Amino acid sequence: MDSENGDNGDKQALKVLLQQLKTDHRRIDAQISALRDTGAVDMLKIGRMKKIKLILKDKIANIQDRLIPDIIA
């Protein structure tokens, strides 16, 4: 029974982390759009932000895979 509770706790923690990463991803995307809209295009800063956004996307995909495993029929 303890392992079931641990698994549920792990899944809940992953869901919280997933939501936080998605929020961060959207925030960075909004910041990139705002930088482009202002006309003050700092390509180096935008490039760094895009790299962070990609890292977040990879982490999101990893957590989603852990929460919803592939089922081969």
PDB file of N, CA and C in Angstrom:
ATOM      1  N   MET A   1       0.815  -1.199   0.000  1.00  0.00           N
ATOM      2  CA  MET A   1       0.000   0.000   0.000  1.00  0.00           C
ATOM      3  C   MET A   1       0.859   1.263   0.000  1.00  0.00           C
ATOM      4  N   ASP A   2       1.998   1.208   0.698  1.00  0.00           N
ATOM      5  CA  ASP A   2       2.832   2.409   0.755  1.00  0.00           C
ATOM      6  C   ASP A   2       3.340   2.812  -0.610  1.00  0.00           C
ATOM      7  N   SER A   3       3.675   1.814  -1.447  1.00  0.00           N
ATOM      8  CA  SER A   3       4.189   2.152  -2.769  1.00  0.00           C
ATOM      9  C   SER A   3       3.112   2.803  -3.624  1.00  0.00           C
ATOM     10  N   GLU A   4       1.856   2.407  -3.428  1.00  0.00           N
ATOM     11  CA  GLU A   4       0.765   3.043  -4.169  1.00  0.00           C
ATOM     12  C   GLU A   4       0.629   4.501  -3.755  1.00  0.00           C
ATOM     13  N   ASN A   5       0.721   4.763  -2.466  1.00  0.00           N
ATOM     14  CA  ASN A   5       0.644   6.146  -1.997  1.00  0.00           C
ATOM     15  C   ASN A   5       1.840   6.946  -2.498  1.00  0.00           C
ATOM     16  N   GLY A   6       2.996   6.333  -2.544  1.00  0.00           N
ATOM     17  CA  GLY A   6       4.185   6.999  -3.052  1.00  0.00           C
ATOM     18  C   GLY A   6       4.049   7.317  -4.530  1.00  0.00           C
ATOM     19  N   ASP A   7       3.486   6.369  -5.284  1.00  0.00           N
ATOM     20  CA  ASP A   7       3.278   6.596  -6.718  1.00  0.00           C
ATOM     21  C   ASP A   7       2.302   7.737  -6.949  1.00  0.00           C
ATOM     22  N   ASN A   8       1.235   7.778  -6.143  1.00  0.00           N
ATOM     23  CA  ASN A   8       0.264   8.858  -6.280  1.00  0.00           C
ATOM     24  C   ASN A   8       0.884  10.199  -5.913  1.00  0.00           C
ATOM     25  N   GLY A   9       1.728  10.188  -4.895  1.00  0.00           N
ATOM     26  CA  GLY A   9       2.414  11.411  -4.492  1.00  0.00           C
ATOM     27  C   GLY A   9       3.387  11.875  -5.564  1.00  0.00           C
ATOM     28  N   ASP A  10       4.085  10.901  -6.165  1.00  0.00           N
ATOM     29  CA  ASP A  10       5.009  11.227  -7.258  1.00  0.00           C
ATOM     30  C   ASP A  10       4.256  11.798  -8.451  1.00  0.00           C
ATOM     31  N   LYS A  11       3.138  11.176  -8.793  1.00  0.00           N
ATOM     32  CA  LYS A  11       2.343  11.661  -9.925  1.00  0.00           C
ATOM     33  C   LYS A  11       1.815  13.066  -9.648  1.00  0.00           C
ATOM     34  N   GLN A  12       1.373  13.291  -8.426  1.00  0.00           N
ATOM     35  CA  GLN A  12       0.863  14.616  -8.074  1.00  0.00           C
ATOM     36  C   GLN A  12       1.973  15.658  -8.157  1.00  0.00           C
ATOM     37  N   ALA A  13       3.154  15.307  -7.681  1.00  0.00           N
ATOM     38  CA  ALA A  13       4.291  16.228  -7.748  1.00  0.00           C
ATOM     39  C   ALA A  13       4.664  16.507  -9.200  1.00  0.00           C
ATOM     40  N   LEU A  14       4.619  15.475 -10.048  1.00  0.00           N
ATOM     41  CA  LEU A  14       4.920  15.665 -11.467  1.00  0.00           C
ATOM     42  C   LEU A  14       3.879  16.563 -12.131  1.00  0.00           C
ATOM     43  N   LYS A  15       2.614  16.394 -11.741  1.00  0.00           N
ATOM     44  CA  LYS A  15       1.553  17.233 -12.316  1.00  0.00           C
ATOM     45  C   LYS A  15       1.744  18.696 -11.923  1.00  0.00           C
ATOM     46  N   VAL A  16       2.140  18.937 -10.682  1.00  0.00           N
ATOM     47  CA  VAL A  16       2.389  20.308 -10.228  1.00  0.00           C
ATOM     48  C   VAL A  16       3.578  20.891 -10.990  1.00  0.00           C
ATOM     49  N   LEU A  17       4.640  20.114 -11.123  1.00  0.00           N
ATOM     50  CA  LEU A  17       5.820  20.567 -11.864  1.00  0.00           C
ATOM     51  C   LEU A  17       5.473  20.822 -13.331  1.00  0.00           C
ATOM     52  N   LEU A  18       4.674  19.934 -13.915  1.00  0.00           N
ATOM     53  CA  LEU A  18       4.254  20.092 -15.301  1.00  0.00           C
ATOM     54  C   LEU A  18       3.500  21.402 -15.493  1.00  0.00           C
ATOM     55  N   GLN A  19       2.594  21.700 -14.599  1.00  0.00           N
ATOM     56  CA  GLN A  19       1.826  22.945 -14.697  1.00  0.00           C
ATOM     57  C   GLN A  19       2.742  24.163 -14.576  1.00  0.00           C
ATOM     58  N   GLN A  20       3.705  24.087 -13.677  1.00  0.00           N
ATOM     59  CA  GLN A  20       4.648  25.191 -13.495  1.00  0.00           C
ATOM     60  C   GLN A  20       5.502  25.396 -14.755  1.00  0.00           C
ATOM     61  N   LEU A  21       5.971  24.303 -15.351  1.00  0.00           N
ATOM     62  CA  LEU A  21       6.780  24.398 -16.558  1.00  0.00           C
ATOM     63  C   LEU A  21       5.965  24.966 -17.722  1.00  0.00           C
ATOM     64  N   LYS A  22       4.705  24.550 -17.827  1.00  0.00           N
ATOM     65  CA  LYS A  22       3.848  25.082 -18.885  1.00  0.00           C
ATOM     66  C   LYS A  22       3.627  26.581 -18.701  1.00  0.00           C
ATOM     67  N   THR A  23       3.448  26.992 -17.460  1.00  0.00           N
ATOM     68  CA  THR A  23       3.272  28.418 -17.167  1.00  0.00           C
ATOM     69  C   THR A  23       4.525  29.199 -17.549  1.00  0.00           C
ATOM     70  N   ASP A  24       5.682  28.673 -17.178  1.00  0.00           N
ATOM     71  CA  ASP A  24       6.954  29.328 -17.528  1.00  0.00           C
ATOM     72  C   ASP A  24       7.130  29.400 -19.042  1.00  0.00           C
ATOM     73  N   HIS A  25       6.769  28.326 -19.737  1.00  0.00           N
ATOM     74  CA  HIS A  25       6.889  28.278 -21.200  1.00  0.00           C
ATOM     75  C   HIS A  25       6.022  29.375 -21.838  1.00  0.00           C
ATOM     76  N   ARG A  26       4.783  29.501 -21.372  1.00  0.00           N
ATOM     77  CA  ARG A  26       3.886  30.537 -21.903  1.00  0.00           C
ATOM     78  C   ARG A  26       4.399  31.937 -21.580  1.00  0.00           C
ATOM     79  N   ARG A  27       4.959  32.105 -20.380  1.00  0.00           N
ATOM     80  CA  ARG A  27       5.478  33.415 -19.969  1.00  0.00           C
ATOM     81  C   ARG A  27       6.638  33.833 -20.864  1.00  0.00           C
ATOM     82  N   ILE A  28       7.550  32.906 -21.127  1.00  0.00           N
ATOM     83  CA  ILE A  28       8.695  33.217 -21.979  1.00  0.00           C
ATOM     84  C   ILE A  28       8.231  33.502 -23.405  1.00  0.00           C
ATOM     85  N   ASP A  29       7.256  32.745 -23.888  1.00  0.00           N
ATOM     86  CA  ASP A  29       6.722  32.991 -25.219  1.00  0.00           C
ATOM     87  C   ASP A  29       6.123  34.401 -25.307  1.00  0.00           C
ATOM     88  N   ALA A  30       5.406  34.794 -24.268  1.00  0.00           N
ATOM     89  CA  ALA A  30       4.828  36.141 -24.238  1.00  0.00           C
ATOM     90  C   ALA A  30       5.915  37.211 -24.198  1.00  0.00           C
ATOM     91  N   GLN A  31       6.987  36.948 -23.472  1.00  0.00           N
ATOM     92  CA  GLN A  31       8.093  37.906 -23.403  1.00  0.00           C
ATOM     93  C   GLN A  31       8.786  38.050 -24.758  1.00  0.00           C
ATOM     94  N   ILE A  32       8.949  36.943 -25.454  1.00  0.00           N
ATOM     95  CA  ILE A  32       9.556  36.992 -26.787  1.00  0.00           C
ATOM     96  C   ILE A  32       8.672  37.810 -27.725  1.00  0.00           C
ATOM     97  N   SER A  33       7.376  37.565 -27.676  1.00  0.00           N
ATOM     98  CA  SER A  33       6.449  38.327 -28.529  1.00  0.00           C
ATOM     99  C   SER A  33       6.485  39.807 -28.185  1.00  0.00           C
ATOM    100  N   ALA A  34       6.553  40.123 -26.905  1.00  0.00           N
ATOM    101  CA  ALA A  34       6.593  41.524 -26.481  1.00  0.00           C
ATOM    102  C   ALA A  34       7.870  42.199 -26.976  1.00  0.00           C
ATOM    103  N   LEU A  35       8.988  41.503 -26.909  1.00  0.00           N
ATOM    104  CA  LEU A  35      10.249  42.069 -27.411  1.00  0.00           C
ATOM    105  C   LEU A  35      10.161  42.363 -28.904  1.00  0.00           C
ATOM    106  N   ARG A  36       9.569  41.444 -29.636  1.00  0.00           N
ATOM    107  CA  ARG A  36       9.431  41.646 -31.075  1.00  0.00           C
ATOM    108  C   ARG A  36       8.483  42.805 -31.378  1.00  0.00           C
ATOM    109  N   ASP A  37       7.411  42.921 -30.606  1.00  0.00           N
ATOM    110  CA  ASP A  37       6.410  43.967 -30.839  1.00  0.00           C
ATOM    111  C   ASP A  37       6.932  45.359 -30.531  1.00  0.00           C
ATOM    112  N   THR A  38       7.860  45.473 -29.577  1.00  0.00           N
ATOM    113  CA  THR A  38       8.378  46.787 -29.217  1.00  0.00           C
ATOM    114  C   THR A  38       9.318  47.340 -30.277  1.00  0.00           C
ATOM    115  N   GLY A  39       9.817  46.469 -31.127  1.00  0.00           N
ATOM    116  CA  GLY A  39      10.723  46.924 -32.174  1.00  0.00           C
ATOM    117  C   GLY A  39      12.172  46.949 -31.727  1.00  0.00           C
ATOM    118  N   ALA A  40      12.405  46.863 -30.431  1.00  0.00           N
ATOM    119  CA  ALA A  40      13.768  46.821 -29.906  1.00  0.00           C
ATOM    120  C   ALA A  40      14.217  45.361 -29.928  1.00  0.00           C
ATOM    121  N   VAL A  41      14.610  44.920 -31.094  1.00  0.00           N
ATOM    122  CA  VAL A  41      14.936  43.512 -31.271  1.00  0.00           C
ATOM    123  C   VAL A  41      16.376  43.255 -30.839  1.00  0.00           C
ATOM    124  N   ASP A  42      16.506  42.556 -29.750  1.00  0.00           N
ATOM    125  CA  ASP A  42      17.812  42.110 -29.263  1.00  0.00           C
ATOM    126  C   ASP A  42      17.903  40.619 -29.594  1.00  0.00           C
ATOM    127  N   MET A  43      18.492  40.320 -30.735  1.00  0.00           N
ATOM    128  CA  MET A  43      18.510  38.942 -31.225  1.00  0.00           C
ATOM    129  C   MET A  43      19.219  37.982 -30.275  1.00  0.00           C
ATOM    130  N   LEU A  44      20.234  38.461 -29.588  1.00  0.00           N
ATOM    131  CA  LEU A  44      20.946  37.608 -28.640  1.00  0.00           C
ATOM    132  C   LEU A  44      20.020  37.216 -27.484  1.00  0.00           C
ATOM    133  N   LYS A  45      19.294  38.202 -26.964  1.00  0.00           N
ATOM    134  CA  LYS A  45      18.364  37.931 -25.860  1.00  0.00           C
ATOM    135  C   LYS A  45      17.230  37.021 -26.320  1.00  0.00           C
ATOM    136  N   ILE A  46      16.700  37.281 -27.504  1.00  0.00           N
ATOM    137  CA  ILE A  46      15.626  36.440 -28.029  1.00  0.00           C
ATOM    138  C   ILE A  46      16.129  35.019 -28.251  1.00  0.00           C
ATOM    139  N   GLY A  47      17.339  34.881 -28.748  1.00  0.00           N
ATOM    140  CA  GLY A  47      17.925  33.556 -28.949  1.00  0.00           C
ATOM    141  C   GLY A  47      18.064  32.786 -27.645  1.00  0.00           C
ATOM    142  N   ARG A  48      18.506  33.477 -26.611  1.00  0.00           N
ATOM    143  CA  ARG A  48      18.629  32.828 -25.292  1.00  0.00           C
ATOM    144  C   ARG A  48      17.268  32.405 -24.765  1.00  0.00           C
ATOM    145  N   MET A  49      16.285  33.273 -24.947  1.00  0.00           N
ATOM    146  CA  MET A  49      14.936  32.960 -24.466  1.00  0.00           C
ATOM    147  C   MET A  49      14.344  31.776 -25.234  1.00  0.00           C
ATOM    148  N   LYS A  50      14.617  31.719 -26.527  1.00  0.00           N
ATOM    149  CA  LYS A  50      14.129  30.588 -27.318  1.00  0.00           C
ATOM    150  C   LYS A  50      14.786  29.289 -26.869  1.00  0.00           C
ATOM    151  N   LYS A  51      16.061  29.351 -26.518  1.00  0.00           N
ATOM    152  CA  LYS A  51      16.764  28.162 -26.036  1.00  0.00           C
ATOM    153  C   LYS A  51      16.143  27.681 -24.722  1.00  0.00           C
ATOM    154  N   ILE A  52      15.852  28.612 -23.821  1.00  0.00           N
ATOM    155  CA  ILE A  52      15.206  28.265 -22.552  1.00  0.00           C
ATOM    156  C   ILE A  52      13.833  27.664 -22.817  1.00  0.00           C
ATOM    157  N   LYS A  53      13.118  28.253 -23.775  1.00  0.00           N
ATOM    158  CA  LYS A  53      11.787  27.760 -24.121  1.00  0.00           C
ATOM    159  C   LYS A  53      11.855  26.326 -24.635  1.00  0.00           C
ATOM    160  N   LEU A  54      12.863  26.013 -25.465  1.00  0.00           N
ATOM    161  CA  LEU A  54      13.036  24.650 -25.971  1.00  0.00           C
ATOM    162  C   LEU A  54      13.376  23.667 -24.855  1.00  0.00           C
ATOM    163  N   ILE A  55      14.206  24.102 -23.930  1.00  0.00           N
ATOM    164  CA  ILE A  55      14.544  23.245 -22.785  1.00  0.00           C
ATOM    165  C   ILE A  55      13.292  22.938 -21.972  1.00  0.00           C
ATOM    166  N   LEU A  56      12.467  23.970 -21.750  1.00  0.00           N
ATOM    167  CA  LEU A  56      11.210  23.765 -21.019  1.00  0.00           C
ATOM    168  C   LEU A  56      10.300  22.803 -21.776  1.00  0.00           C
ATOM    169  N   LYS A  57      10.242  22.954 -23.093  1.00  0.00           N
ATOM    170  CA  LYS A  57       9.395  22.082 -23.908  1.00  0.00           C
ATOM    171  C   LYS A  57       9.840  20.628 -23.766  1.00  0.00           C
ATOM    172  N   ASP A  58      11.151  20.394 -23.778  1.00  0.00           N
ATOM    173  CA  ASP A  58      11.676  19.043 -23.603  1.00  0.00           C
ATOM    174  C   ASP A  58      11.320  18.477 -22.231  1.00  0.00           C
ATOM    175  N   LYS A  59      11.437  19.314 -21.206  1.00  0.00           N
ATOM    176  CA  LYS A  59      11.088  18.862 -19.851  1.00  0.00           C
ATOM    177  C   LYS A  59       9.598  18.538 -19.765  1.00  0.00           C
ATOM    178  N   ILE A  60       8.776  19.367 -20.396  1.00  0.00           N
ATOM    179  CA  ILE A  60       7.323  19.132 -20.403  1.00  0.00           C
ATOM    180  C   ILE A  60       7.016  17.791 -21.071  1.00  0.00           C
ATOM    181  N   ALA A  61       7.626  17.544 -22.223  1.00  0.00           N
ATOM    182  CA  ALA A  61       7.402  16.287 -22.945  1.00  0.00           C
ATOM    183  C   ALA A  61       7.852  15.090 -22.113  1.00  0.00           C
ATOM    184  N   ASN A  62       8.976  15.227 -21.428  1.00  0.00           N
ATOM    185  CA  ASN A  62       9.497  14.157 -20.589  1.00  0.00           C
ATOM    186  C   ASN A  62       8.515  13.825 -19.461  1.00  0.00           C
ATOM    187  N   ILE A  63       8.011  14.838 -18.800  1.00  0.00           N
ATOM    188  CA  ILE A  63       7.075  14.615 -17.695  1.00  0.00           C
ATOM    189  C   ILE A  63       5.771  14.027 -18.212  1.00  0.00           C
ATOM    190  N   GLN A  64       5.294  14.517 -19.352  1.00  0.00           N
ATOM    191  CA  GLN A  64       4.064  13.963 -19.918  1.00  0.00           C
ATOM    192  C   GLN A  64       4.243  12.495 -20.257  1.00  0.00           C
ATOM    193  N   ASP A  65       5.402  12.121 -20.769  1.00  0.00           N
ATOM    194  CA  ASP A  65       5.678  10.718 -21.065  1.00  0.00           C
ATOM    195  C   ASP A  65       5.687   9.875 -19.793  1.00  0.00           C
ATOM    196  N   ARG A  66       6.193  10.445 -18.719  1.00  0.00           N
ATOM    197  CA  ARG A  66       6.223   9.703 -17.451  1.00  0.00           C
ATOM    198  C   ARG A  66       4.828   9.553 -16.860  1.00  0.00           C
ATOM    199  N   LEU A  67       3.981  10.558 -17.068  1.00  0.00           N
ATOM    200  CA  LEU A  67       2.615  10.495 -16.533  1.00  0.00           C
ATOM    201  C   LEU A  67       1.704   9.618 -17.373  1.00  0.00           C
ATOM    202  N   ILE A  68       1.894   9.644 -18.692  1.00  0.00           N
ATOM    203  CA  ILE A  68       1.049   8.890 -19.595  1.00  0.00           C
ATOM    204  C   ILE A  68       1.955   7.979 -20.429  1.00  0.00           C
ATOM    205  N   PRO A  69       2.254   6.806 -19.919  1.00  0.00           N
ATOM    206  CA  PRO A  69       3.154   5.907 -20.651  1.00  0.00           C
ATOM    207  C   PRO A  69       2.513   5.398 -21.939  1.00  0.00           C
ATOM    208  N   ASP A  70       3.372   5.107 -22.916  1.00  0.00           N
ATOM    209  CA  ASP A  70       2.889   4.539 -24.176  1.00  0.00           C
ATOM    210  C   ASP A  70       2.368   3.135 -23.947  1.00  0.00           C
ATOM    211  N   ILE A  71       1.220   2.844 -24.528  1.00  0.00           N
ATOM    212  CA  ILE A  71       0.652   1.507 -24.438  1.00  0.00           C
ATOM    213  C   ILE A  71       0.682   0.899 -25.839  1.00  0.00           C
ATOM    214  N   ILE A  72       1.460  -0.141 -25.995  1.00  0.00           N
ATOM    215  CA  ILE A  72       1.571  -0.795 -27.292  1.00  0.00           C
ATOM    216  C   ILE A  72       0.507  -1.870 -27.366  1.00  0.00           C
ATOM    217  N   ALA A  73      -0.370  -1.747 -28.362  1.00  0.00           N
ATOM    218  CA  ALA A  73      -1.487  -2.694 -28.479  1.00  0.00           C
ATOM    219  C   ALA A  73      -1.087  -3.901 -29.287  1.00  0.00           C
TER     220      ALA A  73
END
